[in-house]
PDB file of N, CA and C in Angstrom:
ATOM      1  N   MET A   1     -13.196 -15.054  25.948  1.00  0.00           N
ATOM      2  CA  MET A   1     -13.411 -13.619  26.057  1.00  0.00           C
ATOM      3  C   MET A   1     -13.315 -13.003  24.657  1.00  0.00           C
ATOM      4  N   ALA A   2     -14.254 -12.117  24.383  1.00  0.00           N
ATOM      5  CA  ALA A   2     -14.321 -11.501  23.056  1.00  0.00           C
ATOM      6  C   ALA A   2     -13.195 -10.471  22.880  1.00  0.00           C
ATOM      7  N   ASP A   3     -12.761 -10.316  21.647  1.00  0.00           N
ATOM      8  CA  ASP A   3     -11.749  -9.334  21.344  1.00  0.00           C
ATOM      9  C   ASP A   3     -12.301  -7.953  21.536  1.00  0.00           C
ATOM     10  N   ALA A   4     -11.602  -7.067  22.233  1.00  0.00           N
ATOM     11  CA  ALA A   4     -12.086  -5.716  22.518  1.00  0.00           C
ATOM     12  C   ALA A   4     -11.942  -4.794  21.308  1.00  0.00           C
ATOM     13  N   THR A   5     -11.197  -5.204  20.279  1.00  0.00           N
ATOM     14  CA  THR A   5     -10.980  -4.376  19.112  1.00  0.00           C
ATOM     15  C   THR A   5     -12.262  -4.339  18.274  1.00  0.00           C
ATOM     16  N   PRO A   6     -12.736  -3.117  17.951  1.00  0.00           N
ATOM     17  CA  PRO A   6     -13.929  -3.057  17.093  1.00  0.00           C
ATOM     18  C   PRO A   6     -13.624  -3.553  15.701  1.00  0.00           C
ATOM     19  N   ASP A   7     -14.670  -4.016  15.047  1.00  0.00           N
ATOM     20  CA  ASP A   7     -14.484  -4.510  13.661  1.00  0.00           C
ATOM     21  C   ASP A   7     -14.108  -3.339  12.772  1.00  0.00           C
ATOM     22  N   VAL A   8     -12.904  -3.428  12.224  1.00  0.00           N
ATOM     23  CA  VAL A   8     -12.397  -2.387  11.319  1.00  0.00           C
ATOM     24  C   VAL A   8     -12.518  -2.944   9.910  1.00  0.00           C
ATOM     25  N   PRO A   9     -13.134  -2.222   8.988  1.00  0.00           N
ATOM     26  CA  PRO A   9     -13.284  -2.748   7.631  1.00  0.00           C
ATOM     27  C   PRO A   9     -11.950  -2.937   6.934  1.00  0.00           C
ATOM     28  N   ILE A  10     -11.854  -4.014   6.152  1.00  0.00           N
ATOM     29  CA  ILE A  10     -10.656  -4.297   5.374  1.00  0.00           C
ATOM     30  C   ILE A  10     -10.911  -3.743   3.980  1.00  0.00           C
ATOM     31  N   HIS A  11      -9.946  -3.001   3.475  1.00  0.00           N
ATOM     32  CA  HIS A  11     -10.083  -2.417   2.161  1.00  0.00           C
ATOM     33  C   HIS A  11      -9.048  -2.987   1.212  1.00  0.00           C
ATOM     34  N   LYS A  12      -9.338  -2.878  -0.073  1.00  0.00           N
ATOM     35  CA  LYS A  12      -8.374  -3.223  -1.115  1.00  0.00           C
ATOM     36  C   LYS A  12      -8.141  -1.952  -1.939  1.00  0.00           C
ATOM     37  N   TYR A  13      -6.897  -1.621  -2.115  1.00  0.00           N
ATOM     38  CA  TYR A  13      -6.530  -0.404  -2.844  1.00  0.00           C
ATOM     39  C   TYR A  13      -5.660  -0.762  -4.038  1.00  0.00           C
ATOM     40  N   LYS A  14      -5.820   0.038  -5.097  1.00  0.00           N
ATOM     41  CA  LYS A  14      -4.994  -0.135  -6.290  1.00  0.00           C
ATOM     42  C   LYS A  14      -4.425   1.207  -6.680  1.00  0.00           C
ATOM     43  N   PHE A  15      -3.119   1.253  -6.863  1.00  0.00           N
ATOM     44  CA  PHE A  15      -2.428   2.488  -7.240  1.00  0.00           C
ATOM     45  C   PHE A  15      -1.694   2.277  -8.539  1.00  0.00           C
ATOM     46  N   ASP A  16      -1.711   3.300  -9.368  1.00  0.00           N
ATOM     47  CA  ASP A  16      -0.868   3.316 -10.576  1.00  0.00           C
ATOM     48  C   ASP A  16       0.338   4.215 -10.250  1.00  0.00           C
ATOM     49  N   VAL A  17       1.475   3.564 -10.106  1.00  0.00           N
ATOM     50  CA  VAL A  17       2.688   4.270  -9.645  1.00  0.00           C
ATOM     51  C   VAL A  17       3.757   4.185 -10.734  1.00  0.00           C
ATOM     52  N   LYS A  18       4.332   5.313 -11.087  1.00  0.00           N
ATOM     53  CA  LYS A  18       5.373   5.331 -12.128  1.00  0.00           C
ATOM     54  C   LYS A  18       6.631   4.665 -11.599  1.00  0.00           C
ATOM     55  N   MET A  19       6.891   3.455 -12.109  1.00  0.00           N
ATOM     56  CA  MET A  19       8.076   2.685 -11.698  1.00  0.00           C
ATOM     57  C   MET A  19       8.760   2.199 -12.992  1.00  0.00           C
ATOM     58  N   THR A  20       9.998   2.597 -13.224  1.00  0.00           N
ATOM     59  CA  THR A  20      10.658   2.281 -14.463  1.00  0.00           C
ATOM     60  C   THR A  20      11.754   1.210 -14.315  1.00  0.00           C
ATOM     61  N   CYS A  21      12.105   0.853 -13.070  1.00  0.00           N
ATOM     62  CA  CYS A  21      13.155  -0.128 -12.861  1.00  0.00           C
ATOM     63  C   CYS A  21      12.946  -0.878 -11.547  1.00  0.00           C
ATOM     64  N   SER A  22      13.760  -1.885 -11.300  1.00  0.00           N
ATOM     65  CA  SER A  22      13.602  -2.650 -10.048  1.00  0.00           C
ATOM     66  C   SER A  22      13.945  -1.799  -8.837  1.00  0.00           C
ATOM     67  N   GLY A  23      14.750  -0.739  -8.999  1.00  0.00           N
ATOM     68  CA  GLY A  23      15.018   0.154  -7.895  1.00  0.00           C
ATOM     69  C   GLY A  23      13.760   0.887  -7.453  1.00  0.00           C
ATOM     70  N   CYS A  24      12.954   1.296  -8.441  1.00  0.00           N
ATOM     71  CA  CYS A  24      11.683   1.980  -8.185  1.00  0.00           C
ATOM     72  C   CYS A  24      10.740   1.064  -7.427  1.00  0.00           C
ATOM     73  N   SER A  25      10.526  -0.141  -7.948  1.00  0.00           N
ATOM     74  CA  SER A  25       9.594  -1.072  -7.281  1.00  0.00           C
ATOM     75  C   SER A  25      10.163  -1.467  -5.915  1.00  0.00           C
ATOM     76  N   GLY A  26      11.475  -1.587  -5.818  1.00  0.00           N
ATOM     77  CA  GLY A  26      12.101  -1.939  -4.542  1.00  0.00           C
ATOM     78  C   GLY A  26      11.847  -0.881  -3.472  1.00  0.00           C
ATOM     79  N   ALA A  27      11.865   0.382  -3.868  1.00  0.00           N
ATOM     80  CA  ALA A  27      11.590   1.473  -2.927  1.00  0.00           C
ATOM     81  C   ALA A  27      10.147   1.389  -2.388  1.00  0.00           C
ATOM     82  N   VAL A  28       9.204   1.097  -3.274  1.00  0.00           N
ATOM     83  CA  VAL A  28       7.810   0.977  -2.877  1.00  0.00           C
ATOM     84  C   VAL A  28       7.663  -0.261  -1.997  1.00  0.00           C
ATOM     85  N   ASN A  29       8.318  -1.360  -2.383  1.00  0.00           N
ATOM     86  CA  ASN A  29       8.275  -2.594  -1.570  1.00  0.00           C
ATOM     87  C   ASN A  29       8.775  -2.332  -0.155  1.00  0.00           C
ATOM     88  N   ARG A  30       9.893  -1.611  -0.039  1.00  0.00           N
ATOM     89  CA  ARG A  30      10.465  -1.343   1.274  1.00  0.00           C
ATOM     90  C   ARG A  30       9.554  -0.559   2.185  1.00  0.00           C
ATOM     91  N   VAL A  31       8.914   0.491   1.608  1.00  0.00           N
ATOM     92  CA  VAL A  31       8.067   1.339   2.466  1.00  0.00           C
ATOM     93  C   VAL A  31       6.805   0.540   2.885  1.00  0.00           C
ATOM     94  N   LEU A  32       6.284  -0.290   2.021  1.00  0.00           N
ATOM     95  CA  LEU A  32       5.111  -1.083   2.382  1.00  0.00           C
ATOM     96  C   LEU A  32       5.467  -2.153   3.381  1.00  0.00           C
ATOM     97  N   LYS A  33       6.632  -2.790   3.220  1.00  0.00           N
ATOM     98  CA  LYS A  33       7.074  -3.790   4.179  1.00  0.00           C
ATOM     99  C   LYS A  33       7.286  -3.195   5.567  1.00  0.00           C
ATOM    100  N   LYS A  34       7.881  -1.999   5.610  1.00  0.00           N
ATOM    101  CA  LYS A  34       8.093  -1.356   6.899  1.00  0.00           C
ATOM    102  C   LYS A  34       6.753  -1.017   7.562  1.00  0.00           C
ATOM    103  N   ALA A  35       5.807  -0.506   6.786  1.00  0.00           N
ATOM    104  CA  ALA A  35       4.463  -0.204   7.303  1.00  0.00           C
ATOM    105  C   ALA A  35       3.784  -1.480   7.822  1.00  0.00           C
ATOM    106  N   GLN A  36       3.960  -2.563   7.125  1.00  0.00           N
ATOM    107  CA  GLN A  36       3.406  -3.862   7.526  1.00  0.00           C
ATOM    108  C   GLN A  36       4.057  -4.324   8.835  1.00  0.00           C
ATOM    109  N   ASP A  37       5.368  -4.225   8.894  1.00  0.00           N
ATOM    110  CA  ASP A  37       6.121  -4.647  10.074  1.00  0.00           C
ATOM    111  C   ASP A  37       5.783  -3.786  11.297  1.00  0.00           C
ATOM    112  N   ASP A  38       5.468  -2.520  11.062  1.00  0.00           N
ATOM    113  CA  ASP A  38       5.106  -1.590  12.110  1.00  0.00           C
ATOM    114  C   ASP A  38       3.630  -1.665  12.505  1.00  0.00           C
ATOM    115  N   ASN A  39       2.916  -2.663  11.952  1.00  0.00           N
ATOM    116  CA  ASN A  39       1.491  -2.883  12.279  1.00  0.00           C
ATOM    117  C   ASN A  39       0.635  -1.667  11.979  1.00  0.00           C
ATOM    118  N   LEU A  40       0.816  -1.061  10.805  1.00  0.00           N
ATOM    119  CA  LEU A  40       0.036   0.117  10.434  1.00  0.00           C
ATOM    120  C   LEU A  40      -1.227  -0.236   9.647  1.00  0.00           C
ATOM    121  N   GLY A  41      -1.571  -1.505   9.589  1.00  0.00           N
ATOM    122  CA  GLY A  41      -2.824  -1.889   8.956  1.00  0.00           C
ATOM    123  C   GLY A  41      -2.701  -2.456   7.569  1.00  0.00           C
ATOM    124  N   ILE A  42      -1.525  -2.944   7.191  1.00  0.00           N
ATOM    125  CA  ILE A  42      -1.347  -3.562   5.858  1.00  0.00           C
ATOM    126  C   ILE A  42      -1.302  -5.069   6.062  1.00  0.00           C
ATOM    127  N   THR A  43      -2.300  -5.782   5.476  1.00  0.00           N
ATOM    128  CA  THR A  43      -2.374  -7.235   5.604  1.00  0.00           C
ATOM    129  C   THR A  43      -1.512  -7.889   4.552  1.00  0.00           C
ATOM    130  N   GLU A  44      -1.657  -7.409   3.310  1.00  0.00           N
ATOM    131  CA  GLU A  44      -0.814  -7.932   2.214  1.00  0.00           C
ATOM    132  C   GLU A  44      -0.679  -6.850   1.131  1.00  0.00           C
ATOM    133  N   TYR A  45       0.338  -7.027   0.326  1.00  0.00           N
ATOM    134  CA  TYR A  45       0.542  -6.097  -0.786  1.00  0.00           C
ATOM    135  C   TYR A  45       1.302  -6.750  -1.888  1.00  0.00           C
ATOM    136  N   ASN A  46       1.161  -6.164  -3.105  1.00  0.00           N
ATOM    137  CA  ASN A  46       1.839  -6.680  -4.273  1.00  0.00           C
ATOM    138  C   ASN A  46       2.274  -5.484  -5.122  1.00  0.00           C
ATOM    139  N   VAL A  47       3.556  -5.424  -5.392  1.00  0.00           N
ATOM    140  CA  VAL A  47       4.124  -4.363  -6.250  1.00  0.00           C
ATOM    141  C   VAL A  47       4.494  -5.031  -7.543  1.00  0.00           C
ATOM    142  N   ASP A  48       3.830  -4.629  -8.668  1.00  0.00           N
ATOM    143  CA  ASP A  48       4.081  -5.246  -9.967  1.00  0.00           C
ATOM    144  C   ASP A  48       4.733  -4.239 -10.896  1.00  0.00           C
ATOM    145  N   LEU A  49       6.023  -4.399 -11.130  1.00  0.00           N
ATOM    146  CA  LEU A  49       6.790  -3.478 -11.949  1.00  0.00           C
ATOM    147  C   LEU A  49       6.288  -3.420 -13.408  1.00  0.00           C
ATOM    148  N   PRO A  50       6.064  -4.567 -14.105  1.00  0.00           N
ATOM    149  CA  PRO A  50       5.662  -4.471 -15.510  1.00  0.00           C
ATOM    150  C   PRO A  50       4.379  -3.678 -15.723  1.00  0.00           C
ATOM    151  N   SER A  51       3.417  -3.851 -14.837  1.00  0.00           N
ATOM    152  CA  SER A  51       2.145  -3.110 -15.022  1.00  0.00           C
ATOM    153  C   SER A  51       2.112  -1.769 -14.243  1.00  0.00           C
ATOM    154  N   GLU A  52       3.181  -1.561 -13.449  1.00  0.00           N
ATOM    155  CA  GLU A  52       3.290  -0.353 -12.639  1.00  0.00           C
ATOM    156  C   GLU A  52       2.112  -0.150 -11.691  1.00  0.00           C
ATOM    157  N   THR A  53       1.651  -1.290 -11.122  1.00  0.00           N
ATOM    158  CA  THR A  53       0.522  -1.249 -10.185  1.00  0.00           C
ATOM    159  C   THR A  53       0.970  -1.734  -8.824  1.00  0.00           C
ATOM    160  N   VAL A  54       0.333  -1.142  -7.822  1.00  0.00           N
ATOM    161  CA  VAL A  54       0.530  -1.553  -6.417  1.00  0.00           C
ATOM    162  C   VAL A  54      -0.818  -1.885  -5.842  1.00  0.00           C
ATOM    163  N   LEU A  55      -0.982  -3.108  -5.396  1.00  0.00           N
ATOM    164  CA  LEU A  55      -2.208  -3.572  -4.754  1.00  0.00           C
ATOM    165  C   LEU A  55      -1.941  -3.741  -3.243  1.00  0.00           C
ATOM    166  N   VAL A  56      -2.838  -3.188  -2.422  1.00  0.00           N
ATOM    167  CA  VAL A  56      -2.667  -3.269  -0.983  1.00  0.00           C
ATOM    168  C   VAL A  56      -3.988  -3.666  -0.348  1.00  0.00           C
ATOM    169  N   THR A  57      -3.947  -4.600   0.593  1.00  0.00           N
ATOM    170  CA  THR A  57      -5.137  -5.005   1.338  1.00  0.00           C
ATOM    171  C   THR A  57      -4.841  -4.714   2.807  1.00  0.00           C
ATOM    172  N   GLY A  58      -5.820  -4.114   3.504  1.00  0.00           N
ATOM    173  CA  GLY A  58      -5.654  -3.872   4.918  1.00  0.00           C
ATOM    174  C   GLY A  58      -6.625  -2.876   5.460  1.00  0.00           C
ATOM    175  N   THR A  59      -6.388  -2.466   6.704  1.00  0.00           N
ATOM    176  CA  THR A  59      -7.240  -1.510   7.364  1.00  0.00           C
ATOM    177  C   THR A  59      -6.673  -0.107   7.354  1.00  0.00           C
ATOM    178  N   ILE A  60      -5.476   0.044   6.789  1.00  0.00           N
ATOM    179  CA  ILE A  60      -4.835   1.367   6.732  1.00  0.00           C
ATOM    180  C   ILE A  60      -5.715   2.344   5.920  1.00  0.00           C
ATOM    181  N   PRO A  61      -5.905   3.558   6.415  1.00  0.00           N
ATOM    182  CA  PRO A  61      -6.694   4.526   5.644  1.00  0.00           C
ATOM    183  C   PRO A  61      -6.018   4.867   4.329  1.00  0.00           C
ATOM    184  N   TYR A  62      -6.834   5.148   3.310  1.00  0.00           N
ATOM    185  CA  TYR A  62      -6.358   5.443   1.957  1.00  0.00           C
ATOM    186  C   TYR A  62      -5.324   6.563   1.986  1.00  0.00           C
ATOM    187  N   ASP A  63      -5.635   7.677   2.653  1.00  0.00           N
ATOM    188  CA  ASP A  63      -4.726   8.831   2.661  1.00  0.00           C
ATOM    189  C   ASP A  63      -3.397   8.510   3.287  1.00  0.00           C
ATOM    190  N   ASP A  64      -3.401   7.702   4.362  1.00  0.00           N
ATOM    191  CA  ASP A  64      -2.138   7.321   5.008  1.00  0.00           C
ATOM    192  C   ASP A  64      -1.296   6.480   4.069  1.00  0.00           C
ATOM    193  N   LEU A  65      -1.940   5.557   3.384  1.00  0.00           N
ATOM    194  CA  LEU A  65      -1.228   4.683   2.426  1.00  0.00           C
ATOM    195  C   LEU A  65      -0.678   5.504   1.277  1.00  0.00           C
ATOM    196  N   LEU A  66      -1.478   6.421   0.740  1.00  0.00           N
ATOM    197  CA  LEU A  66      -1.029   7.277  -0.346  1.00  0.00           C
ATOM    198  C   LEU A  66       0.202   8.059   0.056  1.00  0.00           C
ATOM    199  N   GLU A  67       0.231   8.607   1.267  1.00  0.00           N
ATOM    200  CA  GLU A  67       1.371   9.355   1.759  1.00  0.00           C
ATOM    201  C   GLU A  67       2.618   8.469   1.845  1.00  0.00           C
ATOM    202  N   LYS A  68       2.448   7.231   2.303  1.00  0.00           N
ATOM    203  CA  LYS A  68       3.575   6.279   2.394  1.00  0.00           C
ATOM    204  C   LYS A  68       4.190   6.058   1.022  1.00  0.00           C
ATOM    205  N   ILE A  69       3.342   5.814   0.040  1.00  0.00           N
ATOM    206  CA  ILE A  69       3.862   5.571  -1.317  1.00  0.00           C
ATOM    207  C   ILE A  69       4.540   6.814  -1.882  1.00  0.00           C
ATOM    208  N   LYS A  70       3.920   7.989  -1.669  1.00  0.00           N
ATOM    209  CA  LYS A  70       4.503   9.222  -2.180  1.00  0.00           C
ATOM    210  C   LYS A  70       5.854   9.537  -1.557  1.00  0.00           C
ATOM    211  N   LYS A  71       6.080   9.083  -0.319  1.00  0.00           N
ATOM    212  CA  LYS A  71       7.367   9.325   0.348  1.00  0.00           C
ATOM    213  C   LYS A  71       8.551   8.659  -0.370  1.00  0.00           C
ATOM    214  N   THR A  72       8.253   7.698  -1.265  1.00  0.00           N
ATOM    215  CA  THR A  72       9.326   7.054  -2.037  1.00  0.00           C
ATOM    216  C   THR A  72       9.827   7.970  -3.095  1.00  0.00           C
ATOM    217  N   GLY A  73       9.109   9.063  -3.397  1.00  0.00           N
ATOM    218  CA  GLY A  73       9.471   9.947  -4.478  1.00  0.00           C
ATOM    219  C   GLY A  73       8.929   9.525  -5.835  1.00  0.00           C
ATOM    220  N   LYS A  74       8.217   8.418  -5.850  1.00  0.00           N
ATOM    221  CA  LYS A  74       7.623   7.941  -7.090  1.00  0.00           C
ATOM    222  C   LYS A  74       6.314   8.661  -7.350  1.00  0.00           C
ATOM    223  N   GLU A  75       6.022   8.897  -8.632  1.00  0.00           N
ATOM    224  CA  GLU A  75       4.782   9.589  -9.014  1.00  0.00           C
ATOM    225  C   GLU A  75       3.624   8.606  -8.903  1.00  0.00           C
ATOM    226  N   VAL A  76       2.614   9.002  -8.122  1.00  0.00           N
ATOM    227  CA  VAL A  76       1.379   8.199  -8.041  1.00  0.00           C
ATOM    228  C   VAL A  76       0.409   8.821  -9.023  1.00  0.00           C
ATOM    229  N   ARG A  77       0.188   8.113 -10.146  1.00  0.00           N
ATOM    230  CA  ARG A  77      -0.650   8.668 -11.200  1.00  0.00           C
ATOM    231  C   ARG A  77      -2.148   8.585 -10.873  1.00  0.00           C
ATOM    232  N   SER A  78      -2.504   7.501 -10.145  1.00  0.00           N
ATOM    233  CA  SER A  78      -3.884   7.367  -9.757  1.00  0.00           C
ATOM    234  C   SER A  78      -3.964   6.358  -8.602  1.00  0.00           C
ATOM    235  N   GLY A  79      -5.083   6.393  -7.909  1.00  0.00           N
ATOM    236  CA  GLY A  79      -5.330   5.436  -6.839  1.00  0.00           C
ATOM    237  C   GLY A  79      -6.816   5.282  -6.648  1.00  0.00           C
ATOM    238  N   GLU A  80      -7.226   4.062  -6.262  1.00  0.00           N
ATOM    239  CA  GLU A  80      -8.637   3.843  -6.050  1.00  0.00           C
ATOM    240  C   GLU A  80      -8.852   2.771  -4.965  1.00  0.00           C
ATOM    241  N   THR A  81     -10.014   2.836  -4.360  1.00  0.00           N
ATOM    242  CA  THR A  81     -10.412   1.826  -3.401  1.00  0.00           C
ATOM    243  C   THR A  81     -11.258   0.801  -4.184  1.00  0.00           C
ATOM    244  N   LEU A  82     -10.841  -0.452  -4.184  1.00  0.00           N
ATOM    245  CA  LEU A  82     -11.557  -1.508  -4.928  1.00  0.00           C
ATOM    246  C   LEU A  82     -12.671  -2.056  -4.066  1.00  0.00           C
ATOM    247  N   GLU A  83     -12.475  -2.187  -2.754  1.00  0.00           N
ATOM    248  CA  GLU A  83     -13.525  -2.662  -1.835  1.00  0.00           C
ATOM    249  C   GLU A  83     -13.392  -1.929  -0.546  1.00  0.00           C
TER     250      GLU A  83
END
């Protein structure tokens, strides 16, 4: 039997987030992990403190993801959809 879920496009997003310490990156990690655990459309993610970048792959809409990251209180300097 075919899956009833319509094909939802998978996106790759890249955010430039101001993170100055492991506490900063940890806050972003926690919010993304919770969103992933809650099945909000995050397939994988990578928070890189030295480059202050956050990469996310999934079906989550850009605006929803941006709001999740902003809820950490960290400054999101830029964000883009890579695919």
